[in-house]
């Protein structure tokens, strides 16, 4: 019995010619790749200078969130998760980008969202029921402006159901974690290749199996959300901001906003476990000027609020008004960045590279003897 090749080799072309042809094809491809411009990474600000720096201040000059990744923002109710999503969505729109906003909770207040520049007519707004609806729409999304940045928001993941749950076949919700895992496996590469930014808020649940030293609260939806998120931000319990006004002969106080601490719980971008304050005023949004003035005063030990060498006032509200009136916002921001970098530099590991050559005579980036002398003087 004889076996014949289905695709016999071309006998007319010699082996040397085939090799030469492949080498020429490889050279042509290399030339084409070299002509392609390398696009700089797209970064978006959170609206808070200190939070931007906590996320990626060691990589990007002003910090921020890069595109092409998934971000999870989780924490207790009323801790500013929706505010943070709306702030970033508004910034994407102002940069000429495209926004898709999934609202499975169905409670996004567009009158409030307008504070951040988020208008219903300018975004792709949906109220999906299931997990598959959200992730399928991400994979099939064709933005109106393909040259602009694309960002997808989901508020929140905890409100999403599954097809089985909608048909009362999964009353315990056991299918949700598996469906998140399946959909994220199919979507993670889409975010990276198309450069989309996916930011999802999530609720928290009490972890009954934590024990005395474990994590007391976890985010629902299984482990896949945490694994596939390049950045996870955990918000703390909000602290109210009160103001008092004398009206007539009576002093009246009102809660005008909240202050929360945001921790970089996980990061594949830069170092995790940095934290930053986030000040939210109900009629204004994220108050970056207030945060920066308080940071500068705390770090410099000044008795008054100041920008560089210019003293403003002992009153925070008056200092904010002066900064806005004189246009000192950028100078204040640059001062915060400089101070923050000085602090981080103190915690940088100053040692020779681990894989330096044995013949490398590079000097240490610091003088150990000098530090020992300084420590001895302090003692």
Protein backbone atom coordinates (compact mmCIF):
# COMPACT_ATOMS: atom_id res chain seq x y z
CA UNK A 1 0.00 0.00 0.00
CA UNK A 2 1.42 3.38 -1.05
CA UNK A 3 0.88 6.72 0.66
CA UNK A 4 1.00 9.86 -1.43
CA UNK A 5 1.53 13.43 -0.15
CA UNK A 6 -1.52 15.63 -0.53
CA UNK A 7 0.69 18.71 -1.05
CA UNK A 8 3.92 17.58 -2.74
CA UNK A 9 6.74 20.13 -2.51
CA UNK A 10 7.45 22.33 -5.47
CA UNK A 11 10.31 20.54 -7.22
CA UNK A 12 11.02 23.52 -9.50
CA UNK A 13 12.13 25.85 -6.64
CA UNK A 14 15.44 24.94 -5.03
CA UNK A 15 16.02 24.96 -1.29
CA UNK A 16 18.41 27.93 -1.54
CA UNK A 17 15.82 29.98 -3.40
CA UNK A 18 13.15 29.19 -0.76
CA UNK A 19 15.48 30.28 2.05
CA UNK A 20 16.43 33.48 0.21
CA UNK A 21 12.77 34.30 -0.38
CA UNK A 22 11.90 33.89 3.30
CA UNK A 23 14.85 36.08 4.31
CA UNK A 24 13.66 38.83 1.94
CA UNK A 25 10.10 38.57 3.34
CA UNK A 26 11.43 38.87 6.89
CA UNK A 27 13.49 41.96 5.93
CA UNK A 28 10.46 43.61 4.30
CA UNK A 29 8.34 42.96 7.39
CA UNK A 30 11.06 44.41 9.61
CA UNK A 31 11.15 47.58 7.49
CA UNK A 32 7.37 47.96 7.71
CA UNK A 33 7.43 47.53 11.50
CA UNK A 34 10.20 50.12 11.86
CA UNK A 35 8.09 52.68 9.97
CA UNK A 36 5.20 52.33 12.43
CA UNK A 37 5.12 55.12 15.02
CA UNK A 38 5.10 54.10 18.65
CA UNK A 39 2.06 55.77 20.23
CA UNK A 40 2.56 57.15 23.74
CA UNK A 41 0.45 55.63 26.50
CA UNK A 42 -2.90 57.31 27.04
CA UNK A 43 -3.42 58.48 30.60
CA UNK A 44 -6.56 59.89 32.21
CA UNK A 45 -6.74 61.78 35.49
CA UNK A 46 -9.09 60.86 38.32
CA UNK A 47 -9.62 64.54 39.13
CA UNK A 48 -7.49 64.24 42.26
CA UNK A 49 -3.76 65.03 42.04
CA UNK A 50 -2.91 62.94 45.10
CA UNK A 51 -4.91 59.93 43.88
CA UNK A 52 -3.27 60.16 40.44
CA UNK A 53 0.15 60.10 42.11
CA UNK A 54 -0.81 57.20 44.38
CA UNK A 55 -1.84 55.16 41.33
CA UNK A 56 1.15 55.74 39.03
CA UNK A 57 3.21 58.70 40.23
CA UNK A 58 6.43 56.73 39.94
CA UNK A 59 5.89 56.04 36.21
CA UNK A 60 4.08 59.07 34.80
CA UNK A 61 5.04 62.66 35.78
CA UNK A 62 1.54 63.56 37.02
CA UNK A 63 0.22 60.02 37.58
CA UNK A 64 -3.21 58.84 36.46
CA UNK A 65 -4.85 55.72 35.01
CA UNK A 66 -3.54 54.27 31.72
CA UNK A 67 -5.92 52.93 29.09
CA UNK A 68 -6.07 49.29 28.03
CA UNK A 69 -6.80 47.87 31.49
CA UNK A 70 -9.66 46.98 33.84
CA UNK A 71 -10.16 48.90 37.10
CA UNK A 72 -12.35 47.88 40.03
CA UNK A 73 -13.49 50.51 42.56
CA UNK A 74 -15.10 48.88 45.59
CA UNK A 75 -16.15 50.04 49.02
CA UNK A 76 -19.10 50.86 51.29
CA UNK A 77 -22.22 52.71 50.22
CA UNK A 78 -21.89 56.48 49.79
CA UNK A 79 -18.09 56.45 49.57
CA UNK A 80 -17.78 58.20 46.20
CA UNK A 81 -17.57 55.27 43.75
CA UNK A 82 -20.11 56.71 41.31
CA UNK A 83 -18.58 60.18 41.68
CA UNK A 84 -15.18 58.82 40.67
CA UNK A 85 -16.64 57.06 37.63
CA UNK A 86 -18.52 60.21 36.53
CA UNK A 87 -15.43 62.39 37.03
CA UNK A 88 -13.31 60.16 34.77
CA UNK A 89 -16.13 59.80 32.21
CA UNK A 90 -16.44 63.60 31.99
CA UNK A 91 -12.71 63.97 31.42
CA UNK A 92 -12.75 61.38 28.63
CA UNK A 93 -15.58 63.31 26.91
CA UNK A 94 -13.72 66.63 27.23
CA UNK A 95 -10.73 65.04 25.49
CA UNK A 96 -12.93 64.10 22.54
CA UNK A 97 -13.26 60.49 23.59
CA UNK A 98 -16.07 57.93 23.60
CA UNK A 99 -17.94 56.77 26.69
CA UNK A 100 -20.14 53.72 27.22
CA UNK A 101 -21.93 53.75 30.57
CA UNK A 102 -23.67 50.63 31.87
CA UNK A 103 -26.08 51.31 34.72
CA UNK A 104 -27.53 47.97 35.91
CA UNK A 105 -28.69 49.63 39.13
CA UNK A 106 -30.72 52.09 37.02
CA UNK A 107 -30.15 54.98 39.40
CA UNK A 108 -27.64 57.30 37.71
CA UNK A 109 -28.84 60.85 38.34
CA UNK A 110 -27.99 62.78 35.17
CA UNK A 111 -28.69 66.10 36.87
CA UNK A 112 -25.84 65.24 39.26
CA UNK A 113 -23.74 63.72 36.46
CA UNK A 114 -23.92 67.03 34.59
CA UNK A 115 -21.62 68.48 37.27
CA UNK A 116 -18.88 66.37 35.68
CA UNK A 117 -19.87 67.04 32.07
CA UNK A 118 -21.63 63.71 31.59
CA UNK A 119 -24.76 64.19 29.46
CA UNK A 120 -27.01 61.35 28.39
CA UNK A 121 -26.98 62.47 24.74
CA UNK A 122 -23.17 62.38 24.56
CA UNK A 123 -22.67 58.83 25.85
CA UNK A 124 -23.81 55.31 25.02
CA UNK A 125 -26.05 54.64 28.03
CA UNK A 126 -27.62 51.26 28.81
CA UNK A 127 -29.31 49.51 31.74
CA UNK A 128 -28.26 45.86 31.21
CA UNK A 129 -29.72 42.95 33.14
CA UNK A 130 -27.03 40.32 32.83
CA UNK A 131 -23.26 39.90 32.95
CA UNK A 132 -23.13 38.60 29.38
CA UNK A 133 -24.93 41.72 28.06
CA UNK A 134 -22.24 44.02 29.49
CA UNK A 135 -19.20 42.13 28.26
CA UNK A 136 -20.71 41.24 24.89
CA UNK A 137 -21.37 44.94 24.23
CA UNK A 138 -17.73 45.75 25.11
CA UNK A 139 -16.41 43.24 22.58
CA UNK A 140 -18.79 44.50 19.88
CA UNK A 141 -18.41 48.22 20.61
CA UNK A 142 -17.57 50.48 17.68
CA UNK A 143 -16.92 54.02 19.01
CA UNK A 144 -18.14 57.00 16.99
CA UNK A 145 -14.70 58.61 17.15
CA UNK A 146 -12.17 55.79 16.63
CA UNK A 147 -9.24 58.22 17.03
CA UNK A 148 -10.34 59.33 20.50
CA UNK A 149 -9.94 57.43 23.77
CA UNK A 150 -12.60 54.85 24.60
CA UNK A 151 -13.79 54.21 28.15
CA UNK A 152 -16.46 51.84 29.47
CA UNK A 153 -18.05 52.20 32.89
CA UNK A 154 -20.23 49.75 34.84
CA UNK A 155 -21.98 50.87 38.02
CA UNK A 156 -22.09 48.38 39.60
CA UNK A 157 -21.08 44.76 38.98
CA UNK A 158 -22.97 43.55 42.04
CA UNK A 159 -26.28 44.48 40.39
CA UNK A 160 -25.77 42.23 37.37
CA UNK A 161 -27.68 38.95 37.11
CA UNK A 162 -27.23 35.87 34.92
CA UNK A 163 -29.57 34.38 32.32
CA UNK A 164 -30.36 31.51 34.69
CA UNK A 165 -31.11 33.88 37.56
CA UNK A 166 -33.45 35.95 35.37
CA UNK A 167 -35.39 32.75 34.60
CA UNK A 168 -35.50 31.74 38.30
CA UNK A 169 -33.28 28.71 37.65
CA UNK A 170 -30.44 29.93 39.87
CA UNK A 171 -32.05 31.34 43.00
CA UNK A 172 -28.81 31.13 45.03
CA UNK A 173 -26.79 33.08 42.43
CA UNK A 174 -24.14 30.35 42.19
CA UNK A 175 -23.69 30.91 38.44
CA UNK A 176 -22.53 34.56 38.74
CA UNK A 177 -18.88 33.90 39.64
CA UNK A 178 -18.45 31.39 36.83
CA UNK A 179 -20.03 33.75 34.30
CA UNK A 180 -17.78 36.63 35.35
CA UNK A 181 -14.78 34.35 34.88
CA UNK A 182 -15.91 33.22 31.42
CA UNK A 183 -16.70 36.73 30.16
CA UNK A 184 -13.53 38.31 31.53
CA UNK A 185 -11.41 35.65 29.83
CA UNK A 186 -12.92 36.66 26.50
CA UNK A 187 -12.76 40.42 27.14
CA UNK A 188 -9.38 41.10 28.77
CA UNK A 189 -7.45 40.91 25.48
CA UNK A 190 -9.99 43.18 23.75
CA UNK A 191 -9.25 45.93 26.27
CA UNK A 192 -5.51 45.61 25.67
CA UNK A 193 -5.59 45.41 21.86
CA UNK A 194 -8.17 48.19 21.35
CA UNK A 195 -6.89 50.37 24.18
CA UNK A 196 -10.20 50.60 26.03
CA UNK A 197 -10.38 51.56 29.69
CA UNK A 198 -12.92 49.55 31.70
CA UNK A 199 -13.80 50.95 35.13
CA UNK A 200 -16.30 49.05 37.28
CA UNK A 201 -17.68 49.89 40.68
CA UNK A 202 -18.53 47.10 43.07
CA UNK A 203 -20.20 46.72 46.43
CA UNK A 204 -18.78 44.90 49.44
CA UNK A 205 -20.07 41.98 51.47
CA UNK A 206 -19.15 40.84 54.96
CA UNK A 207 -16.74 37.92 54.87
CA UNK A 208 -18.06 35.46 57.44
CA UNK A 209 -15.05 33.17 56.99
CA UNK A 210 -12.44 35.89 57.62
CA UNK A 211 -11.60 35.00 61.20
CA UNK A 212 -9.94 37.46 63.61
CA UNK A 213 -7.07 38.38 61.25
CA UNK A 214 -8.66 37.96 57.81
CA UNK A 215 -10.24 40.48 55.48
CA UNK A 216 -13.60 41.42 56.98
CA UNK A 217 -15.17 42.62 53.73
CA UNK A 218 -14.89 41.32 50.17
CA UNK A 219 -16.38 42.37 46.84
CA UNK A 220 -19.02 40.05 45.33
CA UNK A 221 -18.75 38.30 41.98
CA UNK A 222 -16.07 35.75 42.74
CA UNK A 223 -12.31 35.91 42.44
CA UNK A 224 -12.12 36.57 38.69
CA UNK A 225 -12.86 40.31 39.02
CA UNK A 226 -9.88 40.80 41.29
CA UNK A 227 -7.59 38.65 39.16
CA UNK A 228 -8.39 40.36 35.86
CA UNK A 229 -8.33 43.91 37.30
CA UNK A 230 -4.96 45.59 36.77
CA UNK A 231 -5.95 48.21 39.35
CA UNK A 232 -8.21 47.86 42.40
CA UNK A 233 -9.15 50.91 44.46
CA UNK A 234 -10.77 50.44 47.86
CA UNK A 235 -12.75 53.32 49.34
CA UNK A 236 -13.12 53.82 53.09
CA UNK A 237 -16.16 54.70 55.14
CA UNK A 238 -17.07 58.32 54.32
CA UNK A 239 -16.53 61.11 56.88
CA UNK A 240 -18.99 64.02 56.64
CA UNK A 241 -17.80 67.56 55.93
CA UNK A 242 -19.80 70.10 57.93
CA UNK A 243 -20.19 73.82 57.44
CA UNK A 244 -21.75 76.33 59.79
CA UNK A 245 -23.51 79.52 58.77
CA UNK A 246 -25.00 82.26 60.92
CA UNK A 247 -28.45 83.02 59.54
CA UNK A 248 -30.15 85.80 61.44
CA UNK A 249 -29.39 85.12 65.07
CA UNK A 250 -29.07 81.38 64.69
CA UNK A 251 -26.10 79.14 63.80
CA UNK A 252 -27.08 76.42 61.36
CA UNK A 253 -24.85 73.54 60.28
CA UNK A 254 -25.16 71.35 57.20
CA UNK A 255 -23.23 68.40 55.76
CA UNK A 256 -21.95 69.67 52.41
CA UNK A 257 -19.81 66.72 51.37
CA UNK A 258 -17.74 63.74 52.42
CA UNK A 259 -14.08 62.83 52.70
CA UNK A 260 -12.86 59.30 52.03
CA UNK A 261 -9.51 57.57 51.89
CA UNK A 262 -8.81 55.58 48.74
CA UNK A 263 -6.27 52.78 48.94
CA UNK A 264 -4.54 51.24 45.94
CA UNK A 265 -5.45 47.71 47.01
CA UNK A 266 -3.88 46.04 43.94
CA UNK A 267 -1.80 47.46 41.12
CA UNK A 268 -0.11 46.01 38.05
CA UNK A 269 0.81 49.56 37.03
CA UNK A 270 3.06 50.66 39.88
CA UNK A 271 3.52 50.05 43.62
CA UNK A 272 0.33 49.12 45.50
CA UNK A 273 -0.82 50.09 48.99
CA UNK A 274 -0.48 53.84 48.49
CA UNK A 275 -3.45 55.87 49.69
CA UNK A 276 -4.87 59.31 49.04
CA UNK A 277 -7.70 61.45 50.41
CA UNK A 278 -10.69 62.20 48.18
CA UNK A 279 -12.82 65.23 49.07
CA UNK A 280 -16.27 65.36 47.47
CA UNK A 281 -18.59 68.36 47.73
CA UNK A 282 -22.19 67.63 46.78
CA UNK A 283 -22.62 70.80 44.70
CA UNK A 284 -19.15 70.75 43.17
CA UNK A 285 -17.64 67.28 42.85
CA UNK A 286 -14.01 66.36 43.63
CA UNK A 287 -12.30 69.34 45.30
CA UNK A 288 -8.68 68.97 44.17
CA UNK A 289 -7.67 72.45 45.37
CA UNK A 290 -8.84 71.73 48.91
CA UNK A 291 -6.92 68.43 49.01
CA UNK A 292 -3.73 70.03 47.67
CA UNK A 293 -3.79 72.98 50.08
CA UNK A 294 -4.25 70.67 53.05
CA UNK A 295 -1.44 68.39 51.83
CA UNK A 296 1.04 71.24 51.39
CA UNK A 297 0.23 72.71 54.80
CA UNK A 298 0.59 69.31 56.49
CA UNK A 299 3.88 68.42 54.78
CA UNK A 300 5.55 71.82 55.17
CA UNK A 301 4.36 72.42 58.74
CA UNK A 302 3.21 75.92 57.82
CA UNK A 303 0.81 77.80 60.08
CA UNK A 304 -1.09 79.20 57.10
CA UNK A 305 -2.10 77.84 53.72
CA UNK A 306 0.38 78.76 51.02
CA UNK A 307 1.42 78.14 47.41
CA UNK A 308 5.22 78.01 47.15
CA UNK A 309 6.43 81.11 49.05
CA UNK A 310 3.14 82.97 48.73
CA UNK A 311 1.11 82.91 51.93
CA UNK A 312 -2.64 82.89 51.47
CA UNK A 313 -4.74 82.71 54.65
CA UNK A 314 -5.33 80.72 57.81
CA UNK A 315 -8.85 80.00 56.57
CA UNK A 316 -9.14 77.10 54.14
CA UNK A 317 -12.20 78.55 52.39
CA UNK A 318 -10.51 81.94 51.89
CA UNK A 319 -7.35 80.23 50.61
CA UNK A 320 -9.36 78.26 48.03
CA UNK A 321 -10.97 81.50 46.84
CA UNK A 322 -7.55 83.18 46.49
CA UNK A 323 -6.13 80.25 44.50
CA UNK A 324 -9.07 80.38 42.06
CA UNK A 325 -9.01 84.17 41.79
CA UNK A 326 -5.25 84.36 41.09
CA UNK A 327 -5.13 81.26 38.89
CA UNK A 328 -2.68 79.41 41.12
CA UNK A 329 -4.14 75.94 40.51
CA UNK A 330 -1.26 74.68 38.34
CA UNK A 331 1.44 76.14 40.62
CA UNK A 332 -0.21 74.43 43.58
CA UNK A 333 -0.44 71.13 41.71
CA UNK A 334 3.24 71.23 40.71
CA UNK A 335 4.21 71.95 44.33
CA UNK A 336 2.23 68.91 45.49
CA UNK A 337 3.92 66.72 42.85
CA UNK A 338 7.37 67.94 43.90
CA UNK A 339 6.75 67.31 47.61
CA UNK A 340 5.21 63.91 46.89
CA UNK A 341 8.25 62.87 44.81
CA UNK A 342 10.60 64.00 47.58
CA UNK A 343 8.73 61.79 50.06
CA UNK A 344 8.71 58.77 47.74
CA UNK A 345 12.42 59.20 47.06
CA UNK A 346 13.10 58.59 50.75
CA UNK A 347 11.59 55.11 50.43
CA UNK A 348 13.36 54.12 47.22
CA UNK A 349 15.69 51.12 47.61
CA UNK A 350 19.14 52.58 46.93
CA UNK A 351 21.23 49.56 46.08
CA UNK A 352 23.17 48.21 43.14
CA UNK A 353 21.14 46.26 40.55
CA UNK A 354 20.76 42.60 41.49
CA UNK A 355 22.04 41.39 38.13
CA UNK A 356 24.98 43.77 37.68
CA UNK A 357 28.12 42.23 36.18
CA UNK A 358 30.83 41.17 38.64
CA UNK A 359 33.28 43.44 36.80
CA UNK A 360 30.93 46.41 37.09
CA UNK A 361 32.55 49.06 39.28
CA UNK A 362 29.48 51.31 39.45
CA UNK A 363 29.37 53.20 42.73
CA UNK A 364 26.47 52.91 45.11
CA UNK A 365 23.79 55.61 44.61
CA UNK A 366 24.45 56.74 48.20
CA UNK A 367 27.24 56.76 50.77
CA UNK A 368 26.55 54.25 53.61
CA UNK A 369 29.26 55.81 55.78
CA UNK A 370 27.66 59.21 55.52
CA UNK A 371 24.30 57.84 56.65
CA UNK A 372 25.96 56.12 59.64
CA UNK A 373 27.55 59.44 60.65
CA UNK A 374 24.18 61.19 60.42
CA UNK A 375 22.52 58.46 62.52
CA UNK A 376 25.28 58.78 65.14
CA UNK A 377 24.81 62.53 65.33
CA UNK A 378 21.04 62.10 65.81
CA UNK A 379 21.64 59.66 68.68
